[in-house]
Amino acid sequence: MPEGAPGQFSSPEEELRYLREQLAARERELLARTPEIDNSDIETMGRQELSEYAQFTPKMILSKDHIIDEPTLAASVEMTASAKDPVGEVMTIAMEKGVRNALSVLEKVDNAFVVDEVHRQL
């Protein structure tokens, strides 16, 4: 189980703010060591941050009211799998229901392209 849980978020905005702050801190650290970074470095850091964040279970970091239940999760996975734009579907979940809930959907989606593209866009 990961250490240093960030606390419990009660809105998607709180989650996004936290993740942006984490990524900005990583960028500052990298810039302090290497003054030249490019977009691929930033994407790699973003993927690493999301990967670490995904190690926290929804119960660890989301308020009880913010966690999507199993039936809603299953419906979201089904909707994403059959959507014309599955990446857009997951991004909508991230913006409306939160990043960790969107990551829960991604964990059950069997499409590597969708997972990679959502990680890139987040």
N, C-alpha and C. Protein backbone atom coordinates (compact mmCIF):
# COMPACT_ATOMS: atom_id res chain seq x y z
N MET A 1 0.85 -1.17 0.00
CA MET A 1 0.00 0.00 0.00
C MET A 1 0.90 1.24 0.00
N PRO A 2 0.64 2.21 -0.83
CA PRO A 2 1.50 3.37 -0.93
C PRO A 2 1.46 4.23 0.34
N GLU A 3 2.57 4.90 0.56
CA GLU A 3 2.66 5.79 1.72
C GLU A 3 2.37 7.21 1.29
N GLY A 4 2.06 8.04 2.28
CA GLY A 4 1.91 9.46 2.01
C GLY A 4 0.67 9.82 1.23
N ALA A 5 -0.47 9.21 1.57
CA ALA A 5 -1.71 9.54 0.87
C ALA A 5 -1.96 11.04 1.00
N PRO A 6 -2.42 11.66 -0.08
CA PRO A 6 -2.58 13.11 -0.09
C PRO A 6 -3.75 13.64 0.73
N GLY A 7 -4.53 12.81 1.34
CA GLY A 7 -5.73 13.26 2.04
C GLY A 7 -6.94 12.85 1.24
N GLN A 8 -8.09 13.28 1.66
CA GLN A 8 -9.31 12.92 0.94
C GLN A 8 -9.85 14.11 0.18
N PHE A 9 -10.11 13.88 -1.09
CA PHE A 9 -10.65 14.92 -1.95
C PHE A 9 -12.16 14.79 -2.01
N SER A 10 -12.83 15.92 -2.05
CA SER A 10 -14.29 15.90 -2.12
C SER A 10 -14.82 16.45 -3.43
N SER A 11 -13.89 16.78 -4.36
CA SER A 11 -14.33 17.27 -5.67
C SER A 11 -13.26 16.99 -6.71
N PRO A 12 -13.66 16.90 -7.98
CA PRO A 12 -12.68 16.72 -9.05
C PRO A 12 -11.68 17.89 -9.11
N GLU A 13 -12.14 19.07 -8.78
CA GLU A 13 -11.26 20.24 -8.82
C GLU A 13 -10.12 20.11 -7.82
N GLU A 14 -10.43 19.61 -6.62
CA GLU A 14 -9.39 19.41 -5.61
C GLU A 14 -8.35 18.40 -6.10
N GLU A 15 -8.82 17.32 -6.70
CA GLU A 15 -7.90 16.31 -7.24
C GLU A 15 -7.00 16.90 -8.31
N LEU A 16 -7.60 17.62 -9.25
CA LEU A 16 -6.81 18.21 -10.34
C LEU A 16 -5.80 19.20 -9.80
N ARG A 17 -6.20 20.01 -8.84
CA ARG A 17 -5.27 20.98 -8.26
C ARG A 17 -4.09 20.26 -7.61
N TYR A 18 -4.38 19.21 -6.86
CA TYR A 18 -3.32 18.43 -6.23
C TYR A 18 -2.36 17.84 -7.27
N LEU A 19 -2.92 17.20 -8.30
CA LEU A 19 -2.08 16.57 -9.32
C LEU A 19 -1.25 17.60 -10.07
N ARG A 20 -1.83 18.76 -10.37
CA ARG A 20 -1.08 19.82 -11.05
C ARG A 20 0.07 20.32 -10.17
N GLU A 21 -0.18 20.46 -8.88
CA GLU A 21 0.87 20.88 -7.95
C GLU A 21 1.98 19.85 -7.89
N GLN A 22 1.61 18.58 -7.86
CA GLN A 22 2.62 17.51 -7.84
C GLN A 22 3.47 17.53 -9.10
N LEU A 23 2.83 17.68 -10.24
CA LEU A 23 3.55 17.71 -11.51
C LEU A 23 4.45 18.94 -11.58
N ALA A 24 3.96 20.08 -11.14
CA ALA A 24 4.77 21.31 -11.16
C ALA A 24 6.00 21.14 -10.27
N ALA A 25 5.85 20.50 -9.13
CA ALA A 25 6.99 20.25 -8.24
C ALA A 25 8.02 19.35 -8.92
N ARG A 26 7.54 18.32 -9.62
CA ARG A 26 8.47 17.44 -10.35
C ARG A 26 9.19 18.19 -11.46
N GLU A 27 8.46 19.05 -12.16
CA GLU A 27 9.08 19.84 -13.23
C GLU A 27 10.16 20.76 -12.66
N ARG A 28 9.87 21.40 -11.52
CA ARG A 28 10.88 22.27 -10.90
C ARG A 28 12.12 21.48 -10.51
N GLU A 29 11.91 20.29 -9.94
CA GLU A 29 13.04 19.44 -9.57
C GLU A 29 13.88 19.09 -10.78
N LEU A 30 13.22 18.70 -11.86
CA LEU A 30 13.93 18.32 -13.07
C LEU A 30 14.66 19.52 -13.66
N LEU A 31 14.01 20.67 -13.69
CA LEU A 31 14.65 21.88 -14.23
C LEU A 31 15.85 22.31 -13.40
N ALA A 32 15.82 22.04 -12.10
CA ALA A 32 16.96 22.38 -11.24
C ALA A 32 18.17 21.52 -11.58
N ARG A 33 17.91 20.29 -12.01
CA ARG A 33 19.00 19.38 -12.39
C ARG A 33 19.41 19.54 -13.83
N THR A 34 18.43 19.75 -14.71
CA THR A 34 18.66 19.84 -16.15
C THR A 34 17.83 20.99 -16.69
N PRO A 35 18.49 22.07 -17.11
CA PRO A 35 17.72 23.24 -17.55
C PRO A 35 16.93 23.03 -18.84
N GLU A 36 17.23 21.99 -19.57
CA GLU A 36 16.52 21.75 -20.82
C GLU A 36 15.66 20.49 -20.71
N ILE A 37 14.34 20.70 -20.74
CA ILE A 37 13.43 19.57 -20.78
C ILE A 37 12.49 19.78 -21.96
N ASP A 38 11.97 18.70 -22.50
CA ASP A 38 11.06 18.82 -23.63
C ASP A 38 9.71 18.20 -23.28
N ASN A 39 8.80 18.23 -24.22
CA ASN A 39 7.45 17.73 -23.98
C ASN A 39 7.43 16.25 -23.60
N SER A 40 8.33 15.46 -24.16
CA SER A 40 8.34 14.04 -23.81
C SER A 40 8.75 13.84 -22.36
N ASP A 41 9.66 14.70 -21.85
CA ASP A 41 10.02 14.62 -20.44
C ASP A 41 8.81 14.95 -19.56
N ILE A 42 8.06 15.96 -19.95
CA ILE A 42 6.89 16.37 -19.18
C ILE A 42 5.83 15.28 -19.22
N GLU A 43 5.61 14.67 -20.39
CA GLU A 43 4.64 13.57 -20.50
C GLU A 43 5.07 12.39 -19.63
N THR A 44 6.36 12.08 -19.63
CA THR A 44 6.86 10.97 -18.82
C THR A 44 6.63 11.25 -17.34
N MET A 45 6.90 12.48 -16.91
CA MET A 45 6.66 12.83 -15.51
C MET A 45 5.17 12.73 -15.18
N GLY A 46 4.33 13.17 -16.10
CA GLY A 46 2.88 13.09 -15.88
C GLY A 46 2.42 11.65 -15.75
N ARG A 47 2.93 10.77 -16.60
CA ARG A 47 2.57 9.35 -16.52
C ARG A 47 3.03 8.75 -15.19
N GLN A 48 4.23 9.13 -14.76
CA GLN A 48 4.74 8.62 -13.49
C GLN A 48 3.87 9.10 -12.33
N GLU A 49 3.49 10.37 -12.37
CA GLU A 49 2.64 10.93 -11.31
C GLU A 49 1.29 10.21 -11.28
N LEU A 50 0.69 9.99 -12.44
CA LEU A 50 -0.60 9.27 -12.49
C LEU A 50 -0.44 7.83 -12.00
N SER A 51 0.65 7.21 -12.37
CA SER A 51 0.90 5.83 -11.94
C SER A 51 1.01 5.76 -10.42
N GLU A 52 1.72 6.70 -9.83
CA GLU A 52 1.84 6.72 -8.38
C GLU A 52 0.49 7.03 -7.73
N TYR A 53 -0.24 7.96 -8.31
CA TYR A 53 -1.55 8.34 -7.78
C TYR A 53 -2.53 7.16 -7.85
N ALA A 54 -2.44 6.38 -8.90
CA ALA A 54 -3.33 5.23 -9.08
C ALA A 54 -3.08 4.14 -8.04
N GLN A 55 -1.93 4.18 -7.36
CA GLN A 55 -1.65 3.19 -6.33
C GLN A 55 -2.54 3.39 -5.11
N PHE A 56 -3.05 4.60 -4.92
CA PHE A 56 -3.97 4.86 -3.82
C PHE A 56 -5.35 4.36 -4.22
N THR A 57 -6.01 3.64 -3.34
CA THR A 57 -7.35 3.18 -3.64
C THR A 57 -8.31 4.36 -3.52
N PRO A 58 -9.44 4.32 -4.21
CA PRO A 58 -10.40 5.42 -4.08
C PRO A 58 -10.78 5.69 -2.63
N LYS A 59 -10.92 4.63 -1.81
CA LYS A 59 -11.29 4.81 -0.41
C LYS A 59 -10.23 5.58 0.37
N MET A 60 -8.98 5.49 -0.06
CA MET A 60 -7.90 6.18 0.64
C MET A 60 -7.90 7.69 0.36
N ILE A 61 -8.30 8.09 -0.85
CA ILE A 61 -8.10 9.49 -1.22
C ILE A 61 -9.36 10.25 -1.59
N LEU A 62 -10.47 9.56 -1.68
CA LEU A 62 -11.72 10.23 -2.05
C LEU A 62 -12.69 10.20 -0.88
N SER A 63 -13.41 11.29 -0.71
CA SER A 63 -14.45 11.29 0.32
C SER A 63 -15.51 10.27 -0.07
N LYS A 64 -16.23 9.79 0.91
CA LYS A 64 -17.23 8.74 0.68
C LYS A 64 -18.24 9.16 -0.39
N ASP A 65 -18.62 10.42 -0.41
CA ASP A 65 -19.59 10.90 -1.38
C ASP A 65 -19.03 11.04 -2.79
N HIS A 66 -17.72 11.02 -2.91
CA HIS A 66 -17.06 11.25 -4.20
C HIS A 66 -16.72 9.94 -4.93
N ILE A 67 -16.73 8.83 -4.23
CA ILE A 67 -16.39 7.53 -4.82
C ILE A 67 -17.58 7.03 -5.64
N ILE A 68 -17.30 6.57 -6.88
CA ILE A 68 -18.38 5.99 -7.67
C ILE A 68 -18.55 4.53 -7.24
N ASP A 69 -19.80 4.09 -7.13
CA ASP A 69 -20.09 2.74 -6.67
C ASP A 69 -19.88 1.74 -7.81
N GLU A 70 -19.90 0.47 -7.46
CA GLU A 70 -19.64 -0.60 -8.45
C GLU A 70 -20.60 -0.58 -9.64
N PRO A 71 -21.91 -0.43 -9.43
CA PRO A 71 -22.81 -0.40 -10.60
C PRO A 71 -22.50 0.79 -11.53
N THR A 72 -22.19 1.94 -10.96
CA THR A 72 -21.85 3.11 -11.77
C THR A 72 -20.53 2.89 -12.49
N LEU A 73 -19.57 2.28 -11.80
CA LEU A 73 -18.28 1.97 -12.41
C LEU A 73 -18.47 1.01 -13.58
N ALA A 74 -19.25 -0.04 -13.38
CA ALA A 74 -19.50 -1.02 -14.45
C ALA A 74 -20.19 -0.35 -15.65
N ALA A 75 -21.15 0.52 -15.38
CA ALA A 75 -21.85 1.23 -16.46
C ALA A 75 -20.89 2.16 -17.20
N SER A 76 -19.99 2.81 -16.46
CA SER A 76 -19.01 3.70 -17.09
C SER A 76 -18.03 2.93 -17.96
N VAL A 77 -17.62 1.76 -17.49
CA VAL A 77 -16.71 0.92 -18.27
C VAL A 77 -17.41 0.47 -19.55
N GLU A 78 -18.65 0.03 -19.44
CA GLU A 78 -19.41 -0.41 -20.61
C GLU A 78 -19.61 0.74 -21.60
N MET A 79 -19.95 1.91 -21.07
CA MET A 79 -20.16 3.07 -21.92
C MET A 79 -18.86 3.46 -22.63
N THR A 80 -17.76 3.40 -21.92
CA THR A 80 -16.46 3.73 -22.51
C THR A 80 -16.08 2.73 -23.59
N ALA A 81 -16.29 1.44 -23.31
CA ALA A 81 -15.93 0.40 -24.27
C ALA A 81 -16.72 0.51 -25.57
N SER A 82 -17.96 1.00 -25.49
CA SER A 82 -18.78 1.08 -26.69
C SER A 82 -18.86 2.48 -27.29
N ALA A 83 -18.16 3.43 -26.69
CA ALA A 83 -18.23 4.82 -27.16
C ALA A 83 -17.48 5.01 -28.48
N LYS A 84 -17.96 5.94 -29.25
CA LYS A 84 -17.28 6.29 -30.49
C LYS A 84 -15.93 6.94 -30.18
N ASP A 85 -15.88 7.70 -29.08
CA ASP A 85 -14.66 8.36 -28.63
C ASP A 85 -14.40 7.94 -27.18
N PRO A 86 -13.81 6.76 -26.97
CA PRO A 86 -13.61 6.29 -25.60
C PRO A 86 -12.67 7.18 -24.78
N VAL A 87 -11.70 7.80 -25.43
CA VAL A 87 -10.79 8.70 -24.72
C VAL A 87 -11.57 9.90 -24.20
N GLY A 88 -12.40 10.47 -25.03
CA GLY A 88 -13.24 11.59 -24.62
C GLY A 88 -14.18 11.20 -23.49
N GLU A 89 -14.69 9.99 -23.54
CA GLU A 89 -15.59 9.50 -22.49
C GLU A 89 -14.87 9.46 -21.15
N VAL A 90 -13.65 8.93 -21.13
CA VAL A 90 -12.89 8.84 -19.88
C VAL A 90 -12.49 10.24 -19.41
N MET A 91 -12.14 11.12 -20.33
CA MET A 91 -11.79 12.49 -19.96
C MET A 91 -12.99 13.21 -19.34
N THR A 92 -14.17 12.94 -19.85
CA THR A 92 -15.38 13.53 -19.28
C THR A 92 -15.59 13.02 -17.86
N ILE A 93 -15.35 11.74 -17.64
CA ILE A 93 -15.46 11.17 -16.29
C ILE A 93 -14.45 11.86 -15.37
N ALA A 94 -13.24 12.06 -15.86
CA ALA A 94 -12.20 12.71 -15.04
C ALA A 94 -12.62 14.12 -14.63
N MET A 95 -13.20 14.86 -15.56
CA MET A 95 -13.59 16.24 -15.27
C MET A 95 -14.85 16.31 -14.39
N GLU A 96 -15.77 15.37 -14.57
CA GLU A 96 -17.04 15.43 -13.84
C GLU A 96 -17.02 14.65 -12.53
N LYS A 97 -16.31 13.52 -12.53
CA LYS A 97 -16.35 12.65 -11.35
C LYS A 97 -15.00 12.49 -10.68
N GLY A 98 -13.94 13.01 -11.31
CA GLY A 98 -12.63 12.98 -10.69
C GLY A 98 -11.65 12.05 -11.39
N VAL A 99 -10.39 12.36 -11.21
CA VAL A 99 -9.31 11.63 -11.87
C VAL A 99 -9.23 10.20 -11.36
N ARG A 100 -9.33 10.00 -10.05
CA ARG A 100 -9.19 8.64 -9.52
C ARG A 100 -10.33 7.76 -10.00
N ASN A 101 -11.53 8.31 -10.10
CA ASN A 101 -12.65 7.54 -10.64
C ASN A 101 -12.41 7.20 -12.11
N ALA A 102 -11.85 8.14 -12.86
CA ALA A 102 -11.53 7.86 -14.27
C ALA A 102 -10.45 6.78 -14.36
N LEU A 103 -9.49 6.81 -13.45
CA LEU A 103 -8.45 5.77 -13.45
C LEU A 103 -9.06 4.41 -13.10
N SER A 104 -10.07 4.40 -12.26
CA SER A 104 -10.77 3.13 -11.95
C SER A 104 -11.43 2.56 -13.20
N VAL A 105 -12.01 3.43 -14.01
CA VAL A 105 -12.60 2.99 -15.28
C VAL A 105 -11.51 2.46 -16.19
N LEU A 106 -10.40 3.19 -16.29
CA LEU A 106 -9.30 2.76 -17.17
C LEU A 106 -8.74 1.40 -16.76
N GLU A 107 -8.71 1.12 -15.46
CA GLU A 107 -8.19 -0.16 -14.99
C GLU A 107 -9.00 -1.33 -15.54
N LYS A 108 -10.26 -1.08 -15.87
CA LYS A 108 -11.14 -2.15 -16.36
C LYS A 108 -11.34 -2.12 -17.87
N VAL A 109 -10.84 -1.08 -18.53
CA VAL A 109 -10.96 -0.98 -19.99
C VAL A 109 -9.80 -1.76 -20.60
N ASP A 110 -10.12 -2.64 -21.52
CA ASP A 110 -9.10 -3.48 -22.14
C ASP A 110 -8.68 -2.88 -23.48
N ASN A 111 -8.06 -1.69 -23.41
CA ASN A 111 -7.64 -1.02 -24.63
C ASN A 111 -6.42 -0.17 -24.31
N ALA A 112 -5.25 -0.67 -24.66
CA ALA A 112 -3.99 0.02 -24.33
C ALA A 112 -3.92 1.40 -24.95
N PHE A 113 -4.44 1.57 -26.16
CA PHE A 113 -4.42 2.89 -26.80
C PHE A 113 -5.20 3.90 -25.96
N VAL A 114 -6.38 3.52 -25.50
CA VAL A 114 -7.21 4.42 -24.70
C VAL A 114 -6.48 4.78 -23.41
N VAL A 115 -5.90 3.80 -22.75
CA VAL A 115 -5.17 4.04 -21.51
C VAL A 115 -4.04 5.03 -21.76
N ASP A 116 -3.22 4.77 -22.77
CA ASP A 116 -2.08 5.65 -23.08
C ASP A 116 -2.54 7.05 -23.43
N GLU A 117 -3.57 7.16 -24.25
CA GLU A 117 -4.03 8.48 -24.68
C GLU A 117 -4.64 9.28 -23.52
N VAL A 118 -5.38 8.61 -22.66
CA VAL A 118 -5.95 9.31 -21.49
C VAL A 118 -4.81 9.77 -20.59
N HIS A 119 -3.84 8.91 -20.35
CA HIS A 119 -2.70 9.32 -19.51
C HIS A 119 -1.99 10.52 -20.13
N ARG A 120 -1.84 10.52 -21.42
CA ARG A 120 -1.17 11.64 -22.09
C ARG A 120 -1.98 12.92 -21.93
N GLN A 121 -3.29 12.81 -22.09
CA GLN A 121 -4.13 14.01 -22.02
C GLN A 121 -4.27 14.52 -20.59
N LEU A 122 -4.29 13.62 -19.63
CA LEU A 122 -4.38 14.07 -18.23
C LEU A 122 -3.09 14.77 -17.84
